[in-house]
């Protein structure tokens, strides 16, 4: 550690794919866990668990169950994740898969659309480290969110109760809203030391603080701005699928 930042990590690991009996048992457990699920999140670390058979089996079973699949990819060929509705590659991963850099907004847009073509999905969220996030959806202009790194003040619980809240969706939010919340949460997290979580209280505090700033400190606010999104950012596209992302 150097201050609040992790510099390196040492692991002992294997990248061999699971043996066939183990893969079959894992798919069986996965199928049982699908009962009552709405969303499946695949976090591929290329360590052997999401091998060819398991990845294909998981995608097929999730589709049959009508679940929304969100995949964080590691493979150089994004076509392996065909069937996932949302892909969340980082800048390096999308460049490796599409041969298009994502350092600048226009490039990130192009890379995200190439990834959409490869997967047949509905959206790609490119995480770009210090350059923020880029959300690319079919039939919509790209949404670019700048990186946020700030240590937000802690709001005590009683203050949250009297602050005039606008409620966050309990179960689902639009993809732009979900991206904004994820971006804001990441900004809070990186201001902490080591691996850290962000509580709902901290996130609500940050949202309320932005509401105050956006309304020039007037209380109560005269309007309810949508925090975290650039002015004029598109909220929805008539031609896009009516998708939702879990929050």
C-alpha atoms as a PDB file:
ATOM      1  CA  UNK A   1       0.000   0.000   0.000  1.00  0.00           C
ATOM      2  CA  UNK A   2       1.039   3.575  -0.664  1.00  0.00           C
ATOM      3  CA  UNK A   3      -1.321   5.869   1.162  1.00  0.00           C
ATOM      4  CA  UNK A   4      -4.796   4.780   0.100  1.00  0.00           C
ATOM      5  CA  UNK A   5      -3.655   3.021  -3.070  1.00  0.00           C
ATOM      6  CA  UNK A   6      -2.754  -0.625  -3.588  1.00  0.00           C
ATOM      7  CA  UNK A   7       0.439  -0.935  -5.619  1.00  0.00           C
ATOM      8  CA  UNK A   8       0.743  -4.683  -6.083  1.00  0.00           C
ATOM      9  CA  UNK A   9      -0.654  -8.057  -5.114  1.00  0.00           C
ATOM     10  CA  UNK A  10       0.945 -11.495  -5.149  1.00  0.00           C
ATOM     11  CA  UNK A  11      -1.243 -14.491  -6.030  1.00  0.00           C
ATOM     12  CA  UNK A  12      -0.782 -18.210  -6.397  1.00  0.00           C
ATOM     13  CA  UNK A  13      -3.259 -19.456  -8.958  1.00  0.00           C
ATOM     14  CA  UNK A  14      -4.027 -21.729 -11.862  1.00  0.00           C
ATOM     15  CA  UNK A  15      -5.661 -20.855 -15.177  1.00  0.00           C
ATOM     16  CA  UNK A  16      -6.564 -24.417 -16.177  1.00  0.00           C
ATOM     17  CA  UNK A  17     -10.187 -25.001 -17.118  1.00  0.00           C
ATOM     18  CA  UNK A  18     -12.328 -26.973 -14.710  1.00  0.00           C
ATOM     19  CA  UNK A  19     -12.412 -30.717 -15.101  1.00  0.00           C
ATOM     20  CA  UNK A  20     -15.552 -31.953 -16.850  1.00  0.00           C
ATOM     21  CA  UNK A  21     -17.224 -33.413 -13.704  1.00  0.00           C
ATOM     22  CA  UNK A  22     -16.554 -30.208 -11.776  1.00  0.00           C
ATOM     23  CA  UNK A  23     -17.885 -28.056 -14.619  1.00  0.00           C
ATOM     24  CA  UNK A  24     -21.034 -30.194 -14.835  1.00  0.00           C
ATOM     25  CA  UNK A  25     -21.592 -29.909 -11.079  1.00  0.00           C
ATOM     26  CA  UNK A  26     -21.096 -26.141 -11.222  1.00  0.00           C
ATOM     27  CA  UNK A  27     -23.645 -25.775 -14.026  1.00  0.00           C
ATOM     28  CA  UNK A  28     -26.117 -27.863 -12.058  1.00  0.00           C
ATOM     29  CA  UNK A  29     -25.712 -25.614  -9.013  1.00  0.00           C
ATOM     30  CA  UNK A  30     -26.034 -22.565 -11.247  1.00  0.00           C
ATOM     31  CA  UNK A  31     -29.271 -23.835 -12.773  1.00  0.00           C
ATOM     32  CA  UNK A  32     -30.716 -24.381  -9.314  1.00  0.00           C
ATOM     33  CA  UNK A  33     -29.710 -20.876  -8.257  1.00  0.00           C
ATOM     34  CA  UNK A  34     -31.507 -19.368 -11.273  1.00  0.00           C
ATOM     35  CA  UNK A  35     -34.883 -20.020  -9.680  1.00  0.00           C
ATOM     36  CA  UNK A  36     -36.229 -16.584  -8.773  1.00  0.00           C
ATOM     37  CA  UNK A  37     -33.249 -14.689 -10.216  1.00  0.00           C
ATOM     38  CA  UNK A  38     -33.684 -11.699 -12.522  1.00  0.00           C
ATOM     39  CA  UNK A  39     -30.054 -10.881 -13.303  1.00  0.00           C
ATOM     40  CA  UNK A  40     -26.925 -12.967 -13.815  1.00  0.00           C
ATOM     41  CA  UNK A  41     -23.525 -11.295 -13.370  1.00  0.00           C
ATOM     42  CA  UNK A  42     -20.491 -13.000 -14.925  1.00  0.00           C
ATOM     43  CA  UNK A  43     -17.122 -11.707 -13.724  1.00  0.00           C
ATOM     44  CA  UNK A  44     -14.525 -13.398 -15.899  1.00  0.00           C
ATOM     45  CA  UNK A  45     -10.999 -13.350 -14.461  1.00  0.00           C
ATOM     46  CA  UNK A  46      -9.606 -15.852 -16.989  1.00  0.00           C
ATOM     47  CA  UNK A  47      -8.671 -18.189 -14.163  1.00  0.00           C
ATOM     48  CA  UNK A  48     -10.381 -21.262 -15.567  1.00  0.00           C
ATOM     49  CA  UNK A  49     -13.842 -21.200 -13.986  1.00  0.00           C
ATOM     50  CA  UNK A  50     -15.591 -19.576 -16.956  1.00  0.00           C
ATOM     51  CA  UNK A  51     -14.072 -21.956 -19.467  1.00  0.00           C
ATOM     52  CA  UNK A  52     -15.698 -22.665 -22.808  1.00  0.00           C
ATOM     53  CA  UNK A  53     -18.177 -25.264 -21.559  1.00  0.00           C
ATOM     54  CA  UNK A  54     -19.170 -23.365 -18.411  1.00  0.00           C
ATOM     55  CA  UNK A  55     -19.519 -19.990 -20.141  1.00  0.00           C
ATOM     56  CA  UNK A  56     -21.653 -21.406 -22.958  1.00  0.00           C
ATOM     57  CA  UNK A  57     -23.741 -23.396 -20.499  1.00  0.00           C
ATOM     58  CA  UNK A  58     -24.316 -20.431 -18.199  1.00  0.00           C
ATOM     59  CA  UNK A  59     -25.377 -18.159 -21.079  1.00  0.00           C
ATOM     60  CA  UNK A  60     -27.745 -20.773 -22.486  1.00  0.00           C
ATOM     61  CA  UNK A  61     -29.365 -21.465 -19.110  1.00  0.00           C
ATOM     62  CA  UNK A  62     -29.712 -17.779 -18.269  1.00  0.00           C
ATOM     63  CA  UNK A  63     -31.385 -17.147 -21.621  1.00  0.00           C
ATOM     64  CA  UNK A  64     -33.798 -20.013 -21.075  1.00  0.00           C
ATOM     65  CA  UNK A  65     -34.663 -18.606 -17.648  1.00  0.00           C
ATOM     66  CA  UNK A  66     -35.265 -15.120 -19.079  1.00  0.00           C
ATOM     67  CA  UNK A  67     -32.499 -13.531 -17.006  1.00  0.00           C
ATOM     68  CA  UNK A  68     -30.624 -10.373 -17.931  1.00  0.00           C
ATOM     69  CA  UNK A  69     -26.910 -11.210 -18.205  1.00  0.00           C
ATOM     70  CA  UNK A  70     -24.189  -8.701 -17.372  1.00  0.00           C
ATOM     71  CA  UNK A  71     -20.675  -9.880 -18.256  1.00  0.00           C
ATOM     72  CA  UNK A  72     -17.342  -8.406 -17.204  1.00  0.00           C
ATOM     73  CA  UNK A  73     -15.145  -9.896 -19.945  1.00  0.00           C
ATOM     74  CA  UNK A  74     -11.553 -11.048 -20.000  1.00  0.00           C
ATOM     75  CA  UNK A  75     -11.316 -12.911 -23.301  1.00  0.00           C
ATOM     76  CA  UNK A  76      -9.869 -11.292 -26.400  1.00  0.00           C
ATOM     77  CA  UNK A  77     -12.845 -12.519 -28.434  1.00  0.00           C
ATOM     78  CA  UNK A  78     -16.025 -10.865 -27.168  1.00  0.00           C
ATOM     79  CA  UNK A  79     -18.115 -13.169 -29.368  1.00  0.00           C
ATOM     80  CA  UNK A  80     -17.748 -15.757 -26.604  1.00  0.00           C
ATOM     81  CA  UNK A  81     -20.124 -13.616 -24.517  1.00  0.00           C
ATOM     82  CA  UNK A  82     -22.869 -13.549 -27.162  1.00  0.00           C
ATOM     83  CA  UNK A  83     -26.099 -13.758 -25.229  1.00  0.00           C
ATOM     84  CA  UNK A  84     -25.039 -11.255 -22.581  1.00  0.00           C
ATOM     85  CA  UNK A  85     -27.152  -8.103 -22.679  1.00  0.00           C
ATOM     86  CA  UNK A  86     -24.561  -5.821 -21.095  1.00  0.00           C
ATOM     87  CA  UNK A  87     -20.772  -6.006 -21.340  1.00  0.00           C
ATOM     88  CA  UNK A  88     -18.467  -4.053 -19.007  1.00  0.00           C
ATOM     89  CA  UNK A  89     -14.896  -4.180 -20.385  1.00  0.00           C
ATOM     90  CA  UNK A  90     -12.154  -1.870 -19.232  1.00  0.00           C
ATOM     91  CA  UNK A  91     -10.061   0.217 -21.603  1.00  0.00           C
ATOM     92  CA  UNK A  92      -7.400  -2.465 -22.064  1.00  0.00           C
ATOM     93  CA  UNK A  93      -9.908  -5.275 -22.603  1.00  0.00           C
ATOM     94  CA  UNK A  94     -11.954  -3.406 -25.209  1.00  0.00           C
ATOM     95  CA  UNK A  95      -8.805  -2.368 -27.058  1.00  0.00           C
ATOM     96  CA  UNK A  96      -7.554  -5.975 -27.099  1.00  0.00           C
ATOM     97  CA  UNK A  97     -10.872  -7.297 -28.411  1.00  0.00           C
ATOM     98  CA  UNK A  98     -11.707  -4.589 -30.953  1.00  0.00           C
ATOM     99  CA  UNK A  99      -8.258  -3.243 -31.880  1.00  0.00           C
ATOM    100  CA  UNK A 100      -9.653   0.218 -31.138  1.00  0.00           C
ATOM    101  CA  UNK A 101      -8.238   2.383 -28.371  1.00  0.00           C
ATOM    102  CA  UNK A 102     -10.581   3.901 -25.809  1.00  0.00           C
ATOM    103  CA  UNK A 103      -8.475   6.709 -24.365  1.00  0.00           C
ATOM    104  CA  UNK A 104     -10.583   9.420 -25.983  1.00  0.00           C
ATOM    105  CA  UNK A 105     -14.375   9.690 -26.021  1.00  0.00           C
ATOM    106  CA  UNK A 106     -14.775   9.187 -29.766  1.00  0.00           C
ATOM    107  CA  UNK A 107     -12.551   6.110 -29.698  1.00  0.00           C
ATOM    108  CA  UNK A 108     -14.400   4.680 -26.704  1.00  0.00           C
ATOM    109  CA  UNK A 109     -17.668   5.156 -28.598  1.00  0.00           C
ATOM    110  CA  UNK A 110     -16.303   3.300 -31.650  1.00  0.00           C
ATOM    111  CA  UNK A 111     -14.819   0.517 -29.522  1.00  0.00           C
ATOM    112  CA  UNK A 112     -18.066   0.094 -27.613  1.00  0.00           C
ATOM    113  CA  UNK A 113     -20.089  -0.208 -30.806  1.00  0.00           C
ATOM    114  CA  UNK A 114     -17.637  -2.765 -32.191  1.00  0.00           C
ATOM    115  CA  UNK A 115     -18.104  -4.733 -28.979  1.00  0.00           C
ATOM    116  CA  UNK A 116     -21.886  -4.504 -29.405  1.00  0.00           C
ATOM    117  CA  UNK A 117     -21.579  -5.958 -32.894  1.00  0.00           C
ATOM    118  CA  UNK A 118     -19.417  -8.810 -31.584  1.00  0.00           C
ATOM    119  CA  UNK A 119     -21.782  -9.790 -28.784  1.00  0.00           C
ATOM    120  CA  UNK A 120     -25.184  -8.903 -30.210  1.00  0.00           C
ATOM    121  CA  UNK A 121     -25.924  -7.285 -26.853  1.00  0.00           C
ATOM    122  CA  UNK A 122     -27.846  -4.153 -25.948  1.00  0.00           C
ATOM    123  CA  UNK A 123     -25.199  -2.078 -24.179  1.00  0.00           C
ATOM    124  CA  UNK A 124     -21.489  -1.824 -23.456  1.00  0.00           C
ATOM    125  CA  UNK A 125     -20.098   0.114 -20.504  1.00  0.00           C
ATOM    126  CA  UNK A 126     -16.402   0.846 -21.024  1.00  0.00           C
ATOM    127  CA  UNK A 127     -14.582   1.638 -17.779  1.00  0.00           C
ATOM    128  CA  UNK A 128     -11.716   3.984 -18.602  1.00  0.00           C
ATOM    129  CA  UNK A 129      -9.940   4.548 -15.292  1.00  0.00           C
ATOM    130  CA  UNK A 130      -9.005   8.232 -14.987  1.00  0.00           C
ATOM    131  CA  UNK A 131     -11.024   8.979 -18.138  1.00  0.00           C
ATOM    132  CA  UNK A 132     -14.282   7.867 -16.558  1.00  0.00           C
ATOM    133  CA  UNK A 133     -17.001   5.703 -18.127  1.00  0.00           C
ATOM    134  CA  UNK A 134     -18.528   5.445 -21.570  1.00  0.00           C
ATOM    135  CA  UNK A 135     -21.968   3.895 -21.973  1.00  0.00           C
ATOM    136  CA  UNK A 136     -22.817   2.782 -25.512  1.00  0.00           C
ATOM    137  CA  UNK A 137     -26.349   1.612 -26.311  1.00  0.00           C
ATOM    138  CA  UNK A 138     -27.991   0.579 -29.536  1.00  0.00           C
ATOM    139  CA  UNK A 139     -29.782   3.450 -31.217  1.00  0.00           C
ATOM    140  CA  UNK A 140     -28.505   6.018 -28.712  1.00  0.00           C
ATOM    141  CA  UNK A 141     -25.638   8.494 -28.640  1.00  0.00           C
ATOM    142  CA  UNK A 142     -22.803   7.491 -26.321  1.00  0.00           C
ATOM    143  CA  UNK A 143     -22.893   8.784 -22.757  1.00  0.00           C
ATOM    144  CA  UNK A 144     -19.483   9.833 -21.380  1.00  0.00           C
ATOM    145  CA  UNK A 145     -19.158  10.284 -17.616  1.00  0.00           C
ATOM    146  CA  UNK A 146     -15.960  11.888 -16.292  1.00  0.00           C
ATOM    147  CA  UNK A 147     -14.051  10.149 -13.522  1.00  0.00           C
ATOM    148  CA  UNK A 148     -14.956  11.229 -10.029  1.00  0.00           C
ATOM    149  CA  UNK A 149     -12.449  11.028  -7.200  1.00  0.00           C
ATOM    150  CA  UNK A 150     -13.537  12.898  -4.141  1.00  0.00           C
ATOM    151  CA  UNK A 151     -13.850  12.123  -0.468  1.00  0.00           C
ATOM    152  CA  UNK A 152     -17.435  12.943   0.312  1.00  0.00           C
ATOM    153  CA  UNK A 153     -18.357  14.071   3.817  1.00  0.00           C
ATOM    154  CA  UNK A 154     -20.088  11.534   6.019  1.00  0.00           C
ATOM    155  CA  UNK A 155     -23.707  12.382   6.712  1.00  0.00           C
ATOM    156  CA  UNK A 156     -24.923  11.162  10.103  1.00  0.00           C
ATOM    157  CA  UNK A 157     -28.057   9.042  10.011  1.00  0.00           C
ATOM    158  CA  UNK A 158     -30.373  11.693  11.566  1.00  0.00           C
ATOM    159  CA  UNK A 159     -29.340  14.208   8.885  1.00  0.00           C
ATOM    160  CA  UNK A 160     -30.322  11.785   6.149  1.00  0.00           C
ATOM    161  CA  UNK A 161     -33.772  11.509   7.677  1.00  0.00           C
ATOM    162  CA  UNK A 162     -34.511  15.246   7.514  1.00  0.00           C
ATOM    163  CA  UNK A 163     -32.811  15.954   4.200  1.00  0.00           C
ATOM    164  CA  UNK A 164     -35.397  16.095   1.437  1.00  0.00           C
ATOM    165  CA  UNK A 165     -34.647  12.859  -0.402  1.00  0.00           C
ATOM    166  CA  UNK A 166     -35.609  11.693  -3.812  1.00  0.00           C
ATOM    167  CA  UNK A 167     -35.795   7.944  -3.597  1.00  0.00           C
ATOM    168  CA  UNK A 168     -33.393   5.727  -5.443  1.00  0.00           C
ATOM    169  CA  UNK A 169     -35.127   2.879  -7.275  1.00  0.00           C
ATOM    170  CA  UNK A 170     -35.286  -0.127  -5.028  1.00  0.00           C
ATOM    171  CA  UNK A 171     -34.810  -2.713  -7.707  1.00  0.00           C
ATOM    172  CA  UNK A 172     -34.089  -1.221 -11.129  1.00  0.00           C
ATOM    173  CA  UNK A 173     -32.804   1.913 -12.761  1.00  0.00           C
ATOM    174  CA  UNK A 174     -32.236   2.995 -16.330  1.00  0.00           C
ATOM    175  CA  UNK A 175     -28.800   2.225 -17.726  1.00  0.00           C
ATOM    176  CA  UNK A 176     -27.706   5.904 -17.671  1.00  0.00           C
ATOM    177  CA  UNK A 177     -28.814   6.197 -14.036  1.00  0.00           C
ATOM    178  CA  UNK A 178     -27.079   2.937 -13.119  1.00  0.00           C
ATOM    179  CA  UNK A 179     -23.870   4.131 -14.819  1.00  0.00           C
ATOM    180  CA  UNK A 180     -24.037   7.460 -13.011  1.00  0.00           C
ATOM    181  CA  UNK A 181     -24.538   5.778  -9.637  1.00  0.00           C
ATOM    182  CA  UNK A 182     -21.683   3.344 -10.299  1.00  0.00           C
ATOM    183  CA  UNK A 183     -19.409   6.240 -11.281  1.00  0.00           C
ATOM    184  CA  UNK A 184     -20.291   8.225  -8.188  1.00  0.00           C
ATOM    185  CA  UNK A 185     -19.847   5.172  -5.965  1.00  0.00           C
ATOM    186  CA  UNK A 186     -16.418   4.489  -7.445  1.00  0.00           C
ATOM    187  CA  UNK A 187     -15.392   8.079  -6.765  1.00  0.00           C
ATOM    188  CA  UNK A 188     -16.306   7.661  -3.100  1.00  0.00           C
ATOM    189  CA  UNK A 189     -14.564   4.293  -2.852  1.00  0.00           C
ATOM    190  CA  UNK A 190     -11.205   5.431  -4.259  1.00  0.00           C
ATOM    191  CA  UNK A 191     -11.069   8.140  -1.611  1.00  0.00           C
ATOM    192  CA  UNK A 192     -10.826   5.439   1.041  1.00  0.00           C
ATOM    193  CA  UNK A 193      -7.847   3.395   2.117  1.00  0.00           C
ATOM    194  CA  UNK A 194      -7.443  -0.096   0.695  1.00  0.00           C
ATOM    195  CA  UNK A 195     -10.367  -2.200  -0.510  1.00  0.00           C
ATOM    196  CA  UNK A 196     -13.474  -0.389   0.671  1.00  0.00           C
ATOM    197  CA  UNK A 197     -17.230  -0.533   0.380  1.00  0.00           C
ATOM    198  CA  UNK A 198     -19.659   2.353   0.001  1.00  0.00           C
ATOM    199  CA  UNK A 199     -22.773   2.424   2.120  1.00  0.00           C
ATOM    200  CA  UNK A 200     -26.182   3.556   0.925  1.00  0.00           C
ATOM    201  CA  UNK A 201     -25.917   6.384   3.467  1.00  0.00           C
ATOM    202  CA  UNK A 202     -22.700   7.676   1.888  1.00  0.00           C
ATOM    203  CA  UNK A 203     -24.151   7.479  -1.614  1.00  0.00           C
ATOM    204  CA  UNK A 204     -27.308   9.310  -0.599  1.00  0.00           C
ATOM    205  CA  UNK A 205     -25.195  11.942   1.139  1.00  0.00           C
ATOM    206  CA  UNK A 206     -23.187  12.520  -2.037  1.00  0.00           C
ATOM    207  CA  UNK A 207     -26.368  12.762  -4.123  1.00  0.00           C
ATOM    208  CA  UNK A 208     -27.906  15.292  -1.740  1.00  0.00           C
ATOM    209  CA  UNK A 209     -24.721  17.330  -1.708  1.00  0.00           C
ATOM    210  CA  UNK A 210     -24.747  17.486  -5.510  1.00  0.00           C
ATOM    211  CA  UNK A 211     -28.376  18.543  -5.409  1.00  0.00           C
ATOM    212  CA  UNK A 212     -27.452  21.464  -3.159  1.00  0.00           C
ATOM    213  CA  UNK A 213     -24.507  22.495  -5.335  1.00  0.00           C
ATOM    214  CA  UNK A 214     -26.581  22.246  -8.520  1.00  0.00           C
ATOM    215  CA  UNK A 215     -29.210  24.583  -7.062  1.00  0.00           C
ATOM    216  CA  UNK A 216     -26.696  27.195  -5.822  1.00  0.00           C
ATOM    217  CA  UNK A 217     -27.182  26.183  -2.231  1.00  0.00           C
ATOM    218  CA  UNK A 218     -30.884  27.052  -2.160  1.00  0.00           C
ATOM    219  CA  UNK A 219     -32.883  24.928   0.216  1.00  0.00           C
ATOM    220  CA  UNK A 220     -35.179  23.331  -0.506  1.00  0.00           C
ATOM    221  CA  UNK A 221     -34.065  22.956  -4.126  1.00  0.00           C
ATOM    222  CA  UNK A 222     -36.464  24.490  -6.653  1.00  0.00           C
ATOM    223  CA  UNK A 223     -35.759  21.773  -9.165  1.00  0.00           C
ATOM    224  CA  UNK A 224     -34.490  18.244  -8.993  1.00  0.00           C
ATOM    225  CA  UNK A 225     -31.441  18.000 -11.263  1.00  0.00           C
ATOM    226  CA  UNK A 226     -30.184  14.612 -12.242  1.00  0.00           C
ATOM    227  CA  UNK A 227     -26.805  14.511 -10.479  1.00  0.00           C
ATOM    228  CA  UNK A 228     -23.714  13.130 -12.136  1.00  0.00           C
ATOM    229  CA  UNK A 229     -24.896  13.402 -15.730  1.00  0.00           C
ATOM    230  CA  UNK A 230     -23.533  16.117 -18.030  1.00  0.00           C
ATOM    231  CA  UNK A 231     -25.985  18.797 -19.039  1.00  0.00           C
ATOM    232  CA  UNK A 232     -27.971  17.717 -22.065  1.00  0.00           C
ATOM    233  CA  UNK A 233     -27.033  14.051 -21.618  1.00  0.00           C
ATOM    234  CA  UNK A 234     -29.627  11.723 -23.161  1.00  0.00           C
ATOM    235  CA  UNK A 235     -31.760   9.869 -20.617  1.00  0.00           C
ATOM    236  CA  UNK A 236     -33.551   7.505 -22.931  1.00  0.00           C
ATOM    237  CA  UNK A 237     -33.822   6.710 -26.622  1.00  0.00           C
ATOM    238  CA  UNK A 238     -37.095   5.793 -28.265  1.00  0.00           C
ATOM    239  CA  UNK A 239     -35.298   3.312 -30.505  1.00  0.00           C
ATOM    240  CA  UNK A 240     -33.511   1.562 -27.655  1.00  0.00           C
ATOM    241  CA  UNK A 241     -34.797  -1.528 -25.935  1.00  0.00           C
ATOM    242  CA  UNK A 242     -36.601  -0.890 -22.641  1.00  0.00           C
ATOM    243  CA  UNK A 243     -33.801  -2.409 -20.587  1.00  0.00           C
ATOM    244  CA  UNK A 244     -33.047  -1.978 -16.911  1.00  0.00           C
ATOM    245  CA  UNK A 245     -29.922  -2.544 -14.876  1.00  0.00           C
ATOM    246  CA  UNK A 246     -29.871  -3.878 -11.372  1.00  0.00           C
ATOM    247  CA  UNK A 247     -28.655  -1.469  -8.728  1.00  0.00           C
END
